C-alpha atoms as a PDB file:
ATOM      1  CA  MET A   1     151.861  85.318 156.840  1.00  0.00           C
ATOM      2  CA  THR A   2     150.395  82.158 155.272  1.00  0.00           C
ATOM      3  CA  ALA A   3     151.782  78.648 155.557  1.00  0.00           C
ATOM      4  CA  SER A   4     152.244  76.365 152.548  1.00  0.00           C
ATOM      5  CA  PRO A   5     150.162  73.144 152.343  1.00  0.00           C
ATOM      6  CA  ARG A   6     153.443  71.168 152.605  1.00  0.00           C
ATOM      7  CA  LEU A   7     154.382  72.868 155.871  1.00  0.00           C
ATOM      8  CA  ILE A   8     150.877  72.340 157.221  1.00  0.00           C
ATOM      9  CA  LEU A   9     151.085  68.620 156.453  1.00  0.00           C
ATOM     10  CA  CYS A  10     154.432  68.394 158.170  1.00  0.00           C
ATOM     11  CA  ALA A  11     153.070  70.193 161.197  1.00  0.00           C
ATOM     12  CA  ALA A  12     150.088  67.862 161.312  1.00  0.00           C
ATOM     13  CA  LEU A  13     152.409  64.882 161.265  1.00  0.00           C
ATOM     14  CA  ALA A  14     154.583  66.348 163.992  1.00  0.00           C
ATOM     15  CA  GLY A  15     151.501  66.850 166.114  1.00  0.00           C
ATOM     16  CA  LEU A  16     150.910  63.139 166.097  1.00  0.00           C
ATOM     17  CA  ALA A  17     154.237  62.466 167.769  1.00  0.00           C
ATOM     18  CA  VAL A  18     152.701  62.605 171.231  1.00  0.00           C
ATOM     19  CA  SER A  19     151.058  59.250 170.537  1.00  0.00           C
ATOM     20  CA  VAL A  20     154.271  57.448 169.626  1.00  0.00           C
ATOM     21  CA  THR A  21     155.430  54.872 172.164  1.00  0.00           C
ATOM     22  CA  ALA A  22     158.661  52.947 172.380  1.00  0.00           C
ATOM     23  CA  SER A  23     157.155  50.056 170.404  1.00  0.00           C
ATOM     24  CA  ARG A  24     155.487  50.420 167.015  1.00  0.00           C
ATOM     25  CA  ALA A  25     151.700  50.696 166.979  1.00  0.00           C
ATOM     26  CA  GLU A  26     149.829  47.685 165.669  1.00  0.00           C
ATOM     27  CA  ILE A  27     148.399  48.290 162.251  1.00  0.00           C
ATOM     28  CA  ALA A  28     144.831  46.988 161.976  1.00  0.00           C
ATOM     29  CA  VAL A  29     145.087  45.874 158.333  1.00  0.00           C
ATOM     30  CA  LYS A  30     147.188  42.771 157.773  1.00  0.00           C
ATOM     31  CA  SER A  31     149.063  41.561 154.672  1.00  0.00           C
ATOM     32  CA  GLY A  32     146.805  39.651 152.296  1.00  0.00           C
ATOM     33  CA  GLU A  33     143.686  41.553 153.324  1.00  0.00           C
ATOM     34  CA  LYS A  34     141.505  43.572 150.937  1.00  0.00           C
ATOM     35  CA  ILE A  35     140.254  47.101 151.444  1.00  0.00           C
ATOM     36  CA  ALA A  36     137.235  48.384 149.540  1.00  0.00           C
ATOM     37  CA  PHE A  37     137.128  52.137 149.012  1.00  0.00           C
ATOM     38  CA  LEU A  38     133.436  53.128 148.592  1.00  0.00           C
ATOM     39  CA  GLY A  39     132.762  56.689 147.584  1.00  0.00           C
ATOM     40  CA  ASP A  40     132.093  59.319 144.931  1.00  0.00           C
ATOM     41  CA  SER A  41     134.307  61.234 142.476  1.00  0.00           C
ATOM     42  CA  ILE A  42     136.784  62.099 145.213  1.00  0.00           C
ATOM     43  CA  THR A  43     137.375  58.369 145.754  1.00  0.00           C
ATOM     44  CA  GLN A  44     137.239  57.659 142.024  1.00  0.00           C
ATOM     45  CA  GLY A  45     139.986  60.230 141.558  1.00  0.00           C
ATOM     46  CA  GLY A  46     141.759  58.789 144.596  1.00  0.00           C
ATOM     47  CA  TRP A  47     142.222  55.636 142.530  1.00  0.00           C
ATOM     48  CA  SER A  48     142.568  56.893 138.936  1.00  0.00           C
ATOM     49  CA  ASN A  49     145.218  59.409 139.980  1.00  0.00           C
ATOM     50  CA  PRO A  50     148.482  57.548 140.696  1.00  0.00           C
ATOM     51  CA  ALA A  51     148.979  59.924 143.638  1.00  0.00           C
ATOM     52  CA  GLY A  52     145.322  59.876 144.695  1.00  0.00           C
ATOM     53  CA  TYR A  53     144.509  59.098 148.309  1.00  0.00           C
ATOM     54  CA  VAL A  54     143.540  55.479 147.651  1.00  0.00           C
ATOM     55  CA  ASN A  55     146.905  54.733 146.071  1.00  0.00           C
ATOM     56  CA  LEU A  56     148.711  56.687 148.797  1.00  0.00           C
ATOM     57  CA  VAL A  57     146.991  54.585 151.485  1.00  0.00           C
ATOM     58  CA  ILE A  58     148.012  51.323 149.811  1.00  0.00           C
ATOM     59  CA  ALA A  59     151.572  52.565 149.287  1.00  0.00           C
ATOM     60  CA  GLY A  60     151.723  53.793 152.872  1.00  0.00           C
ATOM     61  CA  LEU A  61     150.703  50.387 154.181  1.00  0.00           C
ATOM     62  CA  ALA A  62     153.268  48.730 151.904  1.00  0.00           C
ATOM     63  CA  ALA A  63     155.998  50.969 153.293  1.00  0.00           C
ATOM     64  CA  ASN A  64     155.185  49.554 156.700  1.00  0.00           C
ATOM     65  CA  GLY A  65     155.230  45.922 155.560  1.00  0.00           C
ATOM     66  CA  VAL A  66     151.500  45.491 154.932  1.00  0.00           C
ATOM     67  CA  ASP A  67     150.629  44.208 151.466  1.00  0.00           C
ATOM     68  CA  ALA A  68     146.925  45.007 151.073  1.00  0.00           C
ATOM     69  CA  THR A  69     144.772  44.759 147.948  1.00  0.00           C
ATOM     70  CA  PRO A  70     142.570  47.729 147.047  1.00  0.00           C
ATOM     71  CA  ILE A  71     139.024  47.379 145.720  1.00  0.00           C
ATOM     72  CA  PRO A  72     138.209  50.737 144.078  1.00  0.00           C
ATOM     73  CA  ALA A  73     134.479  51.559 144.379  1.00  0.00           C
ATOM     74  CA  GLY A  74     134.193  55.275 143.758  1.00  0.00           C
ATOM     75  CA  ILE A  75     131.753  56.605 141.166  1.00  0.00           C
ATOM     76  CA  SER A  76     131.471  60.275 140.235  1.00  0.00           C
ATOM     77  CA  GLY A  77     128.317  62.010 141.368  1.00  0.00           C
ATOM     78  CA  HIS A  78     127.153  59.229 143.641  1.00  0.00           C
ATOM     79  CA  LYS A  79     125.268  59.846 146.867  1.00  0.00           C
ATOM     80  CA  SER A  80     124.316  57.633 149.793  1.00  0.00           C
ATOM     81  CA  ASN A  81     121.267  56.099 148.094  1.00  0.00           C
ATOM     82  CA  GLN A  82     123.304  55.085 145.055  1.00  0.00           C
ATOM     83  CA  MET A  83     126.132  53.661 147.159  1.00  0.00           C
ATOM     84  CA  LEU A  84     123.631  51.614 149.104  1.00  0.00           C
ATOM     85  CA  ALA A  85     122.089  50.317 145.857  1.00  0.00           C
ATOM     86  CA  ARG A  86     125.429  49.091 144.506  1.00  0.00           C
ATOM     87  CA  LEU A  87     126.973  47.978 147.785  1.00  0.00           C
ATOM     88  CA  GLU A  88     126.561  44.250 147.054  1.00  0.00           C
ATOM     89  CA  LYS A  89     127.853  44.452 143.488  1.00  0.00           C
ATOM     90  CA  ASP A  90     130.789  46.782 144.010  1.00  0.00           C
ATOM     91  CA  VAL A  91     131.884  45.860 147.540  1.00  0.00           C
ATOM     92  CA  LEU A  92     130.410  42.888 149.343  1.00  0.00           C
ATOM     93  CA  SER A  93     130.585  40.483 146.374  1.00  0.00           C
ATOM     94  CA  LYS A  94     134.343  41.068 146.269  1.00  0.00           C
ATOM     95  CA  LYS A  95     134.776  39.820 149.863  1.00  0.00           C
ATOM     96  CA  PRO A  96     136.865  42.633 151.350  1.00  0.00           C
ATOM     97  CA  ASN A  97     138.096  42.599 154.928  1.00  0.00           C
ATOM     98  CA  TRP A  98     137.762  46.366 155.254  1.00  0.00           C
ATOM     99  CA  MET A  99     135.652  49.118 153.689  1.00  0.00           C
ATOM    100  CA  THR A 100     136.313  52.841 153.881  1.00  0.00           C
ATOM    101  CA  LEU A 101     133.137  54.865 153.384  1.00  0.00           C
ATOM    102  CA  SER A 102     133.449  58.399 151.962  1.00  0.00           C
ATOM    103  CA  CYS A 103     129.984  59.796 151.410  1.00  0.00           C
ATOM    104  CA  GLY A 104     128.150  63.049 152.019  1.00  0.00           C
ATOM    105  CA  VAL A 105     129.555  65.705 149.728  1.00  0.00           C
ATOM    106  CA  ASN A 106     127.075  65.058 146.882  1.00  0.00           C
ATOM    107  CA  ASP A 107     124.168  64.429 149.314  1.00  0.00           C
ATOM    108  CA  VAL A 108     124.570  68.093 150.316  1.00  0.00           C
ATOM    109  CA  TRP A 109     126.200  69.700 147.263  1.00  0.00           C
ATOM    110  CA  HIS A 110     123.423  68.574 144.900  1.00  0.00           C
ATOM    111  CA  SER A 111     120.875  70.502 146.952  1.00  0.00           C
ATOM    112  CA  ILE A 112     117.309  69.419 146.011  1.00  0.00           C
ATOM    113  CA  LYS A 113     118.795  66.630 143.918  1.00  0.00           C
ATOM    114  CA  GLY A 114     120.811  65.464 146.914  1.00  0.00           C
ATOM    115  CA  VAL A 115     119.651  63.298 149.813  1.00  0.00           C
ATOM    116  CA  PRO A 116     117.940  64.661 152.951  1.00  0.00           C
ATOM    117  CA  LEU A 117     119.668  64.085 156.287  1.00  0.00           C
ATOM    118  CA  ASP A 118     116.614  62.659 158.033  1.00  0.00           C
ATOM    119  CA  ASP A 119     112.818  62.369 157.891  1.00  0.00           C
ATOM    120  CA  ALA A 120     112.322  65.914 159.123  1.00  0.00           C
ATOM    121  CA  GLN A 121     114.482  67.382 156.403  1.00  0.00           C
ATOM    122  CA  ALA A 122     112.806  65.164 153.804  1.00  0.00           C
ATOM    123  CA  ALA A 123     109.402  66.514 154.874  1.00  0.00           C
ATOM    124  CA  ALA A 124     110.546  70.129 154.855  1.00  0.00           C
ATOM    125  CA  LYS A 125     111.878  70.199 151.279  1.00  0.00           C
ATOM    126  CA  THR A 126     110.976  68.566 147.982  1.00  0.00           C
ATOM    127  CA  TYR A 127     113.810  66.481 146.609  1.00  0.00           C
ATOM    128  CA  GLU A 128     114.228  65.456 142.958  1.00  0.00           C
ATOM    129  CA  LYS A 129     116.089  62.673 141.198  1.00  0.00           C
ATOM    130  CA  ARG A 130     118.951  63.708 138.922  1.00  0.00           C
ATOM    131  CA  ASP A 131     117.790  61.092 136.420  1.00  0.00           C
ATOM    132  CA  PRO A 132     115.034  58.436 136.289  1.00  0.00           C
ATOM    133  CA  SER A 133     117.487  55.590 137.067  1.00  0.00           C
ATOM    134  CA  GLU A 134     118.462  57.014 140.453  1.00  0.00           C
ATOM    135  CA  PRO A 135     117.246  54.851 143.403  1.00  0.00           C
ATOM    136  CA  ASP A 136     114.721  56.220 145.880  1.00  0.00           C
ATOM    137  CA  LYS A 137     116.349  58.919 148.009  1.00  0.00           C
ATOM    138  CA  GLY A 138     115.633  57.532 151.466  1.00  0.00           C
ATOM    139  CA  THR A 139     117.550  59.591 154.012  1.00  0.00           C
ATOM    140  CA  TYR A 140     121.277  59.952 154.557  1.00  0.00           C
ATOM    141  CA  GLN A 141     121.019  58.601 158.077  1.00  0.00           C
ATOM    142  CA  ALA A 142     119.085  55.509 157.013  1.00  0.00           C
ATOM    143  CA  ASN A 143     121.244  54.866 153.920  1.00  0.00           C
ATOM    144  CA  ILE A 144     124.562  55.117 155.737  1.00  0.00           C
ATOM    145  CA  THR A 145     123.315  53.009 158.625  1.00  0.00           C
ATOM    146  CA  GLN A 146     122.241  50.303 156.200  1.00  0.00           C
ATOM    147  CA  ILE A 147     125.580  50.380 154.383  1.00  0.00           C
ATOM    148  CA  VAL A 148     127.448  49.993 157.661  1.00  0.00           C
ATOM    149  CA  GLU A 149     125.179  47.275 159.045  1.00  0.00           C
ATOM    150  CA  ARG A 150     125.154  45.255 155.829  1.00  0.00           C
ATOM    151  CA  ALA A 151     128.949  45.440 155.661  1.00  0.00           C
ATOM    152  CA  GLN A 152     129.274  44.284 159.255  1.00  0.00           C
ATOM    153  CA  ALA A 153     126.831  41.444 158.645  1.00  0.00           C
ATOM    154  CA  ALA A 154     129.058  40.312 155.763  1.00  0.00           C
ATOM    155  CA  GLY A 155     132.127  40.329 158.009  1.00  0.00           C
ATOM    156  CA  VAL A 156     133.532  43.568 156.570  1.00  0.00           C
ATOM    157  CA  GLN A 157     135.004  46.150 158.954  1.00  0.00           C
ATOM    158  CA  PRO A 158     133.804  49.675 158.039  1.00  0.00           C
ATOM    159  CA  VAL A 159     135.986  52.726 158.471  1.00  0.00           C
ATOM    160  CA  ILE A 160     134.015  55.985 158.454  1.00  0.00           C
ATOM    161  CA  LEU A 161     135.444  59.033 156.674  1.00  0.00           C
ATOM    162  CA  THR A 162     133.730  62.303 157.464  1.00  0.00           C
ATOM    163  CA  ALA A 163     132.803  64.199 154.323  1.00  0.00           C
ATOM    164  CA  THR A 164     135.407  66.674 153.143  1.00  0.00           C
ATOM    165  CA  VAL A 165     134.817  70.371 152.461  1.00  0.00           C
ATOM    166  CA  ILE A 166     132.489  71.828 149.846  1.00  0.00           C
ATOM    167  CA  LYS A 167     134.534  74.899 148.880  1.00  0.00           C
ATOM    168  CA  GLU A 168     137.529  75.975 150.916  1.00  0.00           C
ATOM    169  CA  ASP A 169     135.377  78.635 152.555  1.00  0.00           C
ATOM    170  CA  LEU A 170     134.477  77.117 155.905  1.00  0.00           C
ATOM    171  CA  ASN A 171     131.580  79.562 156.227  1.00  0.00           C
ATOM    172  CA  SER A 172     130.023  78.615 152.905  1.00  0.00           C
ATOM    173  CA  PRO A 173     126.330  77.595 153.031  1.00  0.00           C
ATOM    174  CA  GLU A 174     127.321  74.175 151.734  1.00  0.00           C
ATOM    175  CA  ASN A 175     129.758  73.540 154.584  1.00  0.00           C
ATOM    176  CA  LYS A 176     127.190  74.705 157.124  1.00  0.00           C
ATOM    177  CA  ASN A 177     124.640  72.364 155.594  1.00  0.00           C
ATOM    178  CA  LEU A 178     127.208  69.552 155.654  1.00  0.00           C
ATOM    179  CA  ALA A 179     127.858  69.935 159.417  1.00  0.00           C
ATOM    180  CA  PRO A 180     124.894  67.834 160.679  1.00  0.00           C
ATOM    181  CA  TYR A 181     125.759  65.059 158.178  1.00  0.00           C
ATOM    182  CA  ASN A 182     129.243  64.825 159.620  1.00  0.00           C
ATOM    183  CA  ALA A 183     127.884  65.077 163.165  1.00  0.00           C
ATOM    184  CA  PHE A 184     125.762  62.017 162.373  1.00  0.00           C
ATOM    185  CA  LEU A 185     128.809  60.133 161.064  1.00  0.00           C
ATOM    186  CA  ARG A 186     130.779  60.884 164.232  1.00  0.00           C
ATOM    187  CA  GLN A 187     127.914  59.665 166.424  1.00  0.00           C
ATOM    188  CA  LEU A 188     127.385  56.556 164.300  1.00  0.00           C
ATOM    189  CA  ALA A 189     131.063  55.647 164.577  1.00  0.00           C
ATOM    190  CA  LYS A 190     130.902  56.164 168.321  1.00  0.00           C
ATOM    191  CA  ASP A 191     127.715  54.113 168.760  1.00  0.00           C
ATOM    192  CA  LYS A 192     128.935  51.229 166.621  1.00  0.00           C
ATOM    193  CA  LYS A 193     132.532  51.472 167.822  1.00  0.00           C
ATOM    194  CA  LEU A 194     133.873  52.013 164.295  1.00  0.00           C
ATOM    195  CA  ARG A 195     137.191  53.401 163.236  1.00  0.00           C
ATOM    196  CA  ILE A 196     136.826  56.952 161.932  1.00  0.00           C
ATOM    197  CA  ALA A 197     138.989  59.365 159.989  1.00  0.00           C
ATOM    198  CA  ASP A 198     137.619  62.828 160.772  1.00  0.00           C
ATOM    199  CA  LEU A 199     138.778  64.329 157.501  1.00  0.00           C
ATOM    200  CA  TYR A 200     136.562  67.391 157.718  1.00  0.00           C
ATOM    201  CA  ALA A 201     138.218  68.337 161.003  1.00  0.00           C
ATOM    202  CA  SER A 202     141.666  67.904 159.384  1.00  0.00           C
ATOM    203  CA  PHE A 203     140.725  70.115 156.422  1.00  0.00           C
ATOM    204  CA  GLU A 204     139.125  72.683 158.695  1.00  0.00           C
ATOM    205  CA  LYS A 205     142.323  72.990 160.735  1.00  0.00           C
ATOM    206  CA  ALA A 206     144.552  73.032 157.643  1.00  0.00           C
ATOM    207  CA  ILE A 207     142.454  75.639 155.780  1.00  0.00           C
ATOM    208  CA  LYS A 208     142.584  77.947 158.780  1.00  0.00           C
ATOM    209  CA  ALA A 209     146.360  77.473 159.020  1.00  0.00           C
ATOM    210  CA  ALA A 210     146.893  78.035 155.269  1.00  0.00           C
ATOM    211  CA  ASN A 211     144.985  81.331 155.515  1.00  0.00           C
ATOM    212  CA  THR A 212     144.502  81.778 151.771  1.00  0.00           C
ATOM    213  CA  PRO A 213     141.007  83.267 151.453  1.00  0.00           C
ATOM    214  CA  GLY A 214     139.656  83.162 147.904  1.00  0.00           C
ATOM    215  CA  LYS A 215     142.227  80.541 146.886  1.00  0.00           C
ATOM    216  CA  ASN A 216     142.288  76.755 147.065  1.00  0.00           C
ATOM    217  CA  ALA A 217     145.172  75.198 148.934  1.00  0.00           C
ATOM    218  CA  PHE A 218     144.010  71.555 149.095  1.00  0.00           C
ATOM    219  CA  THR A 219     141.581  71.151 146.207  1.00  0.00           C
ATOM    220  CA  GLY A 220     141.520  72.044 142.543  1.00  0.00           C
ATOM    221  CA  ASP A 221     137.978  73.385 142.546  1.00  0.00           C
ATOM    222  CA  GLY A 222     136.971  73.599 146.164  1.00  0.00           C
ATOM    223  CA  VAL A 223     135.888  69.961 146.295  1.00  0.00           C
ATOM    224  CA  HIS A 224     138.171  67.593 144.355  1.00  0.00           C
ATOM    225  CA  MET A 225     141.599  66.954 145.827  1.00  0.00           C
ATOM    226  CA  ASN A 226     144.909  68.297 144.623  1.00  0.00           C
ATOM    227  CA  THR A 227     148.213  66.736 145.750  1.00  0.00           C
ATOM    228  CA  ALA A 228     148.099  68.244 149.238  1.00  0.00           C
ATOM    229  CA  GLY A 229     144.456  67.262 149.702  1.00  0.00           C
ATOM    230  CA  ASN A 230     145.072  63.674 148.684  1.00  0.00           C
ATOM    231  CA  LYS A 231     147.936  63.475 151.132  1.00  0.00           C
ATOM    232  CA  MET A 232     145.793  64.811 153.946  1.00  0.00           C
ATOM    233  CA  MET A 233     143.087  62.274 153.196  1.00  0.00           C
ATOM    234  CA  ALA A 234     145.566  59.403 153.074  1.00  0.00           C
ATOM    235  CA  LEU A 235     147.156  60.442 156.359  1.00  0.00           C
ATOM    236  CA  GLY A 236     143.737  60.507 158.022  1.00  0.00           C
ATOM    237  CA  VAL A 237     142.809  57.051 156.726  1.00  0.00           C
ATOM    238  CA  LEU A 238     146.179  55.558 157.681  1.00  0.00           C
ATOM    239  CA  LYS A 239     145.932  57.018 161.158  1.00  0.00           C
ATOM    240  CA  ALA A 240     142.414  55.505 161.476  1.00  0.00           C
ATOM    241  CA  LEU A 241     143.929  52.158 160.533  1.00  0.00           C
ATOM    242  CA  GLY A 242     146.320  52.344 163.447  1.00  0.00           C
ATOM    243  CA  LEU A 243     149.527  53.887 162.116  1.00  0.00           C
ATOM    244  CA  ASP A 244     151.424  56.029 164.565  1.00  0.00           C
ATOM    245  CA  ALA A 245     153.473  59.149 163.702  1.00  0.00           C
ATOM    246  CA  ALA A 246     156.659  57.245 162.880  1.00  0.00           C
ATOM    247  CA  GLN A 247     154.737  54.836 160.636  1.00  0.00           C
ATOM    248  CA  LEU A 248     152.989  57.749 158.948  1.00  0.00           C
ATOM    249  CA  GLN A 249     156.361  59.312 158.269  1.00  0.00           C
ATOM    250  CA  LYS A 250     157.575  56.069 156.737  1.00  0.00           C
ATOM    251  CA  ALA A 251     154.400  55.878 154.638  1.00  0.00           C
ATOM    252  CA  GLN A 252     155.110  59.323 153.190  1.00  0.00           C
ATOM    253  CA  GLU A 253     158.564  58.236 152.127  1.00  0.00           C
ATOM    254  CA  ASN A 254     156.846  55.912 149.630  1.00  0.00           C
ATOM    255  CA  TRP A 255     154.809  58.689 148.014  1.00  0.00           C
ATOM    256  CA  PRO A 256     157.241  60.704 145.861  1.00  0.00           C
ATOM    257  CA  ALA A 257     157.424  57.919 143.252  1.00  0.00           C
ATOM    258  CA  LEU A 258     153.649  58.040 142.928  1.00  0.00           C
ATOM    259  CA  GLU A 259     153.742  61.799 142.526  1.00  0.00           C
ATOM    260  CA  VAL A 260     156.197  61.367 139.629  1.00  0.00           C
ATOM    261  CA  LYS A 261     153.813  58.891 138.004  1.00  0.00           C
ATOM    262  CA  ALA A 262     150.945  61.317 138.498  1.00  0.00           C
ATOM    263  CA  ALA A 263     152.893  64.148 136.869  1.00  0.00           C
ATOM    264  CA  GLU A 264     153.788  61.926 133.928  1.00  0.00           C
ATOM    265  CA  ALA A 265     150.173  60.794 133.526  1.00  0.00           C
ATOM    266  CA  ALA A 266     148.991  64.426 133.647  1.00  0.00           C
ATOM    267  CA  LYS A 267     151.509  65.407 131.004  1.00  0.00           C
ATOM    268  CA  ILE A 268     150.407  62.579 128.686  1.00  0.00           C
ATOM    269  CA  ALA A 269     146.761  63.477 129.199  1.00  0.00           C
ATOM    270  CA  ALA A 270     147.439  67.144 128.411  1.00  0.00           C
ATOM    271  CA  GLU A 271     149.347  66.243 125.277  1.00  0.00           C
ATOM    272  CA  LYS A 272     146.579  63.927 124.133  1.00  0.00           C
ATOM    273  CA  LYS A 273     143.970  66.630 124.737  1.00  0.00           C
ATOM    274  CA  ALA A 274     146.019  69.189 122.816  1.00  0.00           C
ATOM    275  CA  ALA A 275     146.492  66.751 119.905  1.00  0.00           C
ATOM    276  CA  GLU A 276     142.779  66.018 119.783  1.00  0.00           C
ATOM    277  CA  ALA A 277     141.949  69.720 119.822  1.00  0.00           C
ATOM    278  CA  ALA A 278     144.420  70.367 116.994  1.00  0.00           C
ATOM    279  CA  LYS A 279     143.003  67.476 114.965  1.00  0.00           C
ATOM    280  CA  LYS A 280     139.454  68.779 115.444  1.00  0.00           C
ATOM    281  CA  ALA A 281     140.496  72.295 114.454  1.00  0.00           C
ATOM    282  CA  ALA A 282     142.247  70.984 111.325  1.00  0.00           C
ATOM    283  CA  ALA A 283     139.174  68.927 110.348  1.00  0.00           C
ATOM    284  CA  GLU A 284     136.913  71.959 110.807  1.00  0.00           C
ATOM    285  CA  LYS A 285     139.246  74.117 108.709  1.00  0.00           C
ATOM    286  CA  ALA A 286     139.377  71.483 105.954  1.00  0.00           C
ATOM    287  CA  ALA A 287     135.598  71.190 105.971  1.00  0.00           C
ATOM    288  CA  GLU A 288     135.247  74.948 105.737  1.00  0.00           C
ATOM    289  CA  ALA A 289     137.737  75.138 102.864  1.00  0.00           C
ATOM    290  CA  GLY A 290     135.885  72.399 101.007  1.00  0.00           C
ATOM    291  CA  LYS A 291     132.540  74.172 100.982  1.00  0.00           C
ATOM    292  CA  ASP A 292     131.245  75.389  97.650  1.00  0.00           C
ATOM    293  CA  PRO A 293     131.579  79.151  97.297  1.00  0.00           C
ATOM    294  CA  VAL A 294     128.367  81.132  97.527  1.00  0.00           C
ATOM    295  CA  PRO A 295     127.471  82.202  93.966  1.00  0.00           C
ATOM    296  CA  ALA A 296     127.382  85.913  93.352  1.00  0.00           C
ATOM    297  CA  LYS A 297     124.001  87.483  92.791  1.00  0.00           C
END
């Protein structure tokens, strides 16, 4: 028997109850503070989607009396070298108090056009730029360390997010290649005493519990989040920011309204796409009808 993503999320929340004490946990983020969300397309979607994880985090904090301002900084396709190159422009110049860092999927997923983990991996394989404008690759370890250290030097508190799954097959070559990248993130967070949301571990546990081989329970395409995946990411980030089980439950009570907005936005987008397709088809039909007939020989 398989469990639904909804039941899995509820079970995950219930499992946090052991950490609840008589008094509410202190939430690290305070009202009036700004949180930058640095990442790739998963983070970009986490903001553009009304029920994406970025919006869920902000709504979850608001449900617990914390009015925080988001700074969206996710760009589709970006890897650690590109995030490092735009760190000042997209994050530090905006003076956030906090920065979540979600990076690693594209560094691995893009294969030879990705970013090597370390010097040894860089020497063992030839890497290529996806386009001429891409910054020098460097290594994932060096790039992430620089992002964290530059943020700290600017007075920004980093929160590390381990990279999420690449396909919901935990034995996929991509997930096996991703493992040392996440191991590095865990060690970096430990060494620098950073808050960490081990999202890969959450997805690993949830995918095993869902037991839907060949199907995606938490992503639309094996990588980009669906509703359940966004919720799981948001819960992980909120827990890393200090929310206990009761506060996480309260956070989730603020999410249905965002899901309604997301459904409405998806409907409007689908209708617009259908209208554009119909308009294009009509134009092509009119153009075809207007062609001069081929004279008979």
